[in-house]
Protein backbone atom coordinates (compact mmCIF):
# COMPACT_ATOMS: atom_id res chain seq x y z
CA MET A 1 92.04 69.43 100.89
CA GLU A 2 95.77 70.12 100.37
CA SER A 3 96.16 66.86 98.46
CA SER A 4 93.99 67.94 95.52
CA ALA A 5 95.66 69.28 92.41
CA PRO A 6 95.74 73.07 92.21
CA SER A 7 93.53 74.90 89.74
CA GLU A 8 95.16 76.98 87.02
CA ALA A 9 94.17 80.31 85.48
CA LEU A 10 95.69 82.07 82.47
CA LEU A 11 95.33 85.83 82.74
CA LEU A 12 96.09 88.80 80.51
CA VAL A 13 97.22 91.80 82.54
CA THR A 14 97.92 95.34 81.41
CA ALA A 15 99.46 97.97 83.63
CA SER A 16 99.78 101.68 83.03
CA THR A 17 102.92 103.04 84.63
CA VAL A 18 104.74 106.30 85.17
CA PRO A 19 107.81 106.91 83.01
CA GLY A 20 110.88 105.11 84.25
CA THR A 21 109.03 102.23 85.92
CA ASP A 22 110.93 98.96 85.51
CA PRO A 23 108.36 96.56 83.98
CA ASN A 24 110.31 93.51 85.18
CA ALA A 25 110.37 94.75 88.78
CA LEU A 26 106.64 95.47 88.60
CA GLY A 27 106.07 91.96 87.22
CA GLN A 28 107.88 90.55 90.26
CA GLN A 29 105.72 92.66 92.58
CA LEU A 30 102.58 91.39 90.85
CA ALA A 31 103.78 87.78 91.20
CA ASP A 32 104.70 88.22 94.86
CA ALA A 33 101.39 89.87 95.75
CA VAL A 34 99.28 86.81 94.83
CA ILE A 35 100.26 85.09 98.08
CA ASP A 36 97.86 87.58 99.71
CA LEU A 37 94.83 86.21 97.86
CA PRO A 38 92.28 84.58 100.22
CA VAL A 39 93.39 81.08 99.10
CA PRO A 40 96.87 79.57 98.64
CA ALA A 41 98.17 80.89 95.31
CA ALA A 42 101.34 81.32 93.29
CA ALA A 43 102.10 82.78 89.87
CA VAL A 44 104.57 82.95 87.05
CA ILE A 45 104.22 86.29 85.27
CA GLY A 46 105.92 87.11 81.99
CA THR A 47 106.58 90.62 80.75
CA GLY A 48 105.33 91.02 77.20
CA GLU A 49 106.27 93.44 74.47
CA VAL A 50 103.81 96.21 73.63
CA PRO A 51 104.13 97.25 69.98
CA ALA A 52 105.36 100.83 69.54
CA ASP A 53 102.21 101.90 67.68
CA VAL A 54 99.99 100.64 70.52
CA ARG A 55 102.13 102.47 73.10
CA GLU A 56 101.88 105.69 71.07
CA ARG A 57 98.09 105.39 70.63
CA THR A 58 97.74 104.78 74.37
CA ARG A 59 99.74 107.92 75.16
CA GLU A 60 97.73 110.01 72.67
CA LEU A 61 94.43 108.79 74.13
CA ALA A 62 95.62 109.50 77.67
CA GLU A 63 96.69 113.02 76.69
CA ARG A 64 93.30 113.71 75.07
CA GLN A 65 91.58 112.51 78.23
CA GLY A 66 93.81 114.62 80.47
CA MET A 67 95.69 111.64 81.91
CA ALA A 68 99.08 112.11 80.28
CA GLY A 69 100.99 111.63 83.52
CA GLY A 70 98.94 108.66 84.66
CA ALA A 71 99.17 106.48 81.59
CA ALA A 72 102.60 107.25 80.20
CA ASP A 73 103.65 103.66 79.59
CA LEU A 74 101.71 100.48 78.98
CA VAL A 75 103.01 97.05 79.97
CA VAL A 76 101.44 93.71 79.09
CA TYR A 77 101.86 90.69 81.33
CA PHE A 78 100.98 87.05 80.77
CA ALA A 79 100.08 85.62 84.19
CA ARG A 80 99.78 81.92 84.92
CA LEU A 81 98.28 81.40 88.34
CA TRP A 82 97.90 78.25 90.39
CA LEU A 83 95.65 78.17 93.41
CA ARG A 84 93.80 75.91 95.77
CA PRO A 85 90.23 77.19 95.39
CA GLY A 86 87.92 77.54 98.33
CA PRO A 87 84.76 79.35 99.40
CA ALA A 88 86.60 82.70 99.45
CA LEU A 89 87.81 82.25 95.86
CA PRO A 90 86.36 79.51 93.66
CA ALA A 91 88.15 78.13 90.60
CA HIS A 92 86.36 80.42 88.17
CA ALA A 93 88.57 82.43 85.80
CA ILE A 94 86.54 85.64 85.96
CA GLU A 95 86.43 85.65 89.75
CA ILE A 96 90.17 84.94 89.89
CA ALA A 97 90.88 87.84 87.51
CA ILE A 98 88.70 90.20 89.57
CA ALA A 99 90.37 89.12 92.82
CA CYS A 100 93.85 89.64 91.34
CA ARG A 101 92.98 93.07 89.98
CA ARG A 102 91.54 94.20 93.31
CA LEU A 103 94.55 92.87 95.20
CA TRP A 104 97.03 94.54 92.84
CA GLU A 105 95.18 97.84 93.00
CA GLN A 106 95.13 97.78 96.80
CA ARG A 107 98.75 96.68 97.25
CA LEU A 108 100.60 98.18 94.30
CA ARG A 109 98.70 101.06 92.73
CA GLY A 110 100.46 104.36 93.11
CA ALA A 111 103.42 106.07 91.54
CA ASP A 112 105.30 106.08 94.86
CA SER A 113 105.02 102.37 95.65
CA SER A 114 105.40 100.55 92.33
CA GLY A 115 105.04 103.04 89.49
CA MET A 116 101.76 101.41 88.46
CA THR A 117 98.92 103.86 87.95
CA ASP A 118 96.27 101.45 86.68
CA VAL A 119 95.83 97.72 86.08
CA THR A 120 93.41 95.52 84.16
CA CYS A 121 93.17 91.76 84.40
CA LEU A 122 91.13 89.44 82.22
CA PRO A 123 90.97 85.68 81.80
CA ALA A 124 92.66 84.59 78.59
CA PRO A 125 89.84 84.09 76.07
CA ASN A 126 91.90 81.59 74.07
CA PRO A 127 94.58 79.48 75.81
CA ASP A 128 96.42 78.80 72.54
CA ASN A 129 96.71 82.52 71.77
CA TRP A 130 97.78 83.18 75.38
CA LEU A 131 100.53 80.54 75.08
CA HIS A 132 101.67 82.00 71.76
CA GLY A 133 101.93 85.47 73.32
CA ALA A 134 103.60 84.15 76.47
CA ARG A 135 106.41 82.62 74.40
CA SER A 136 107.53 86.12 73.44
CA CYS A 137 107.90 87.33 77.04
CA THR A 138 111.12 89.18 77.73
CA SER A 139 111.33 88.11 81.39
CA LEU A 140 109.60 85.86 83.92
CA ALA A 141 108.80 86.51 87.57
CA THR A 142 107.83 83.73 89.97
CA THR A 143 106.09 84.23 93.30
CA THR A 144 108.70 84.45 96.04
CA ASN A 145 107.82 82.26 99.05
CA ALA A 146 105.08 80.50 97.09
CA PRO A 147 103.17 77.82 99.00
CA ALA A 148 104.75 74.43 98.41
CA GLY A 149 103.31 72.25 95.70
CA LEU A 150 101.43 74.90 93.73
CA ILE A 151 103.81 75.66 90.86
CA PRO A 152 104.47 72.55 88.77
CA ASP A 153 108.11 71.57 88.24
CA ALA A 154 107.77 71.76 84.45
CA VAL A 155 106.70 75.35 83.86
């Protein structure tokens, strides 16, 4: 079972954070948390730029909905995940995205622990567009203590 090649998933992740949250530190926390998925997993997560107009519209919407403190900043991440699928988590992009979101909400959600107030996670609908966006990442975080053999040497 360990000898098979790992499956790969490209995910788009957005996180709402409290003001002052370091998006690079949160990206590292997201990457490190994937080792707690029910199958061996590792990730490289890039921090993306959110255009100023999108950030402002997000804040305005949050204020109108009474969530000004909970959605002060928006961060976009490009997550590339490798895993050895099994019965607990098959190699299906939607199920992987759901499992990651649940894990991140359980482990990291809360202003006191990570600064993250909300997270969404979707499979990349178009790998070429995902790769184009990932090239503009301002930083990369790799899973610390990742299981051996999951992350390819040429990433």
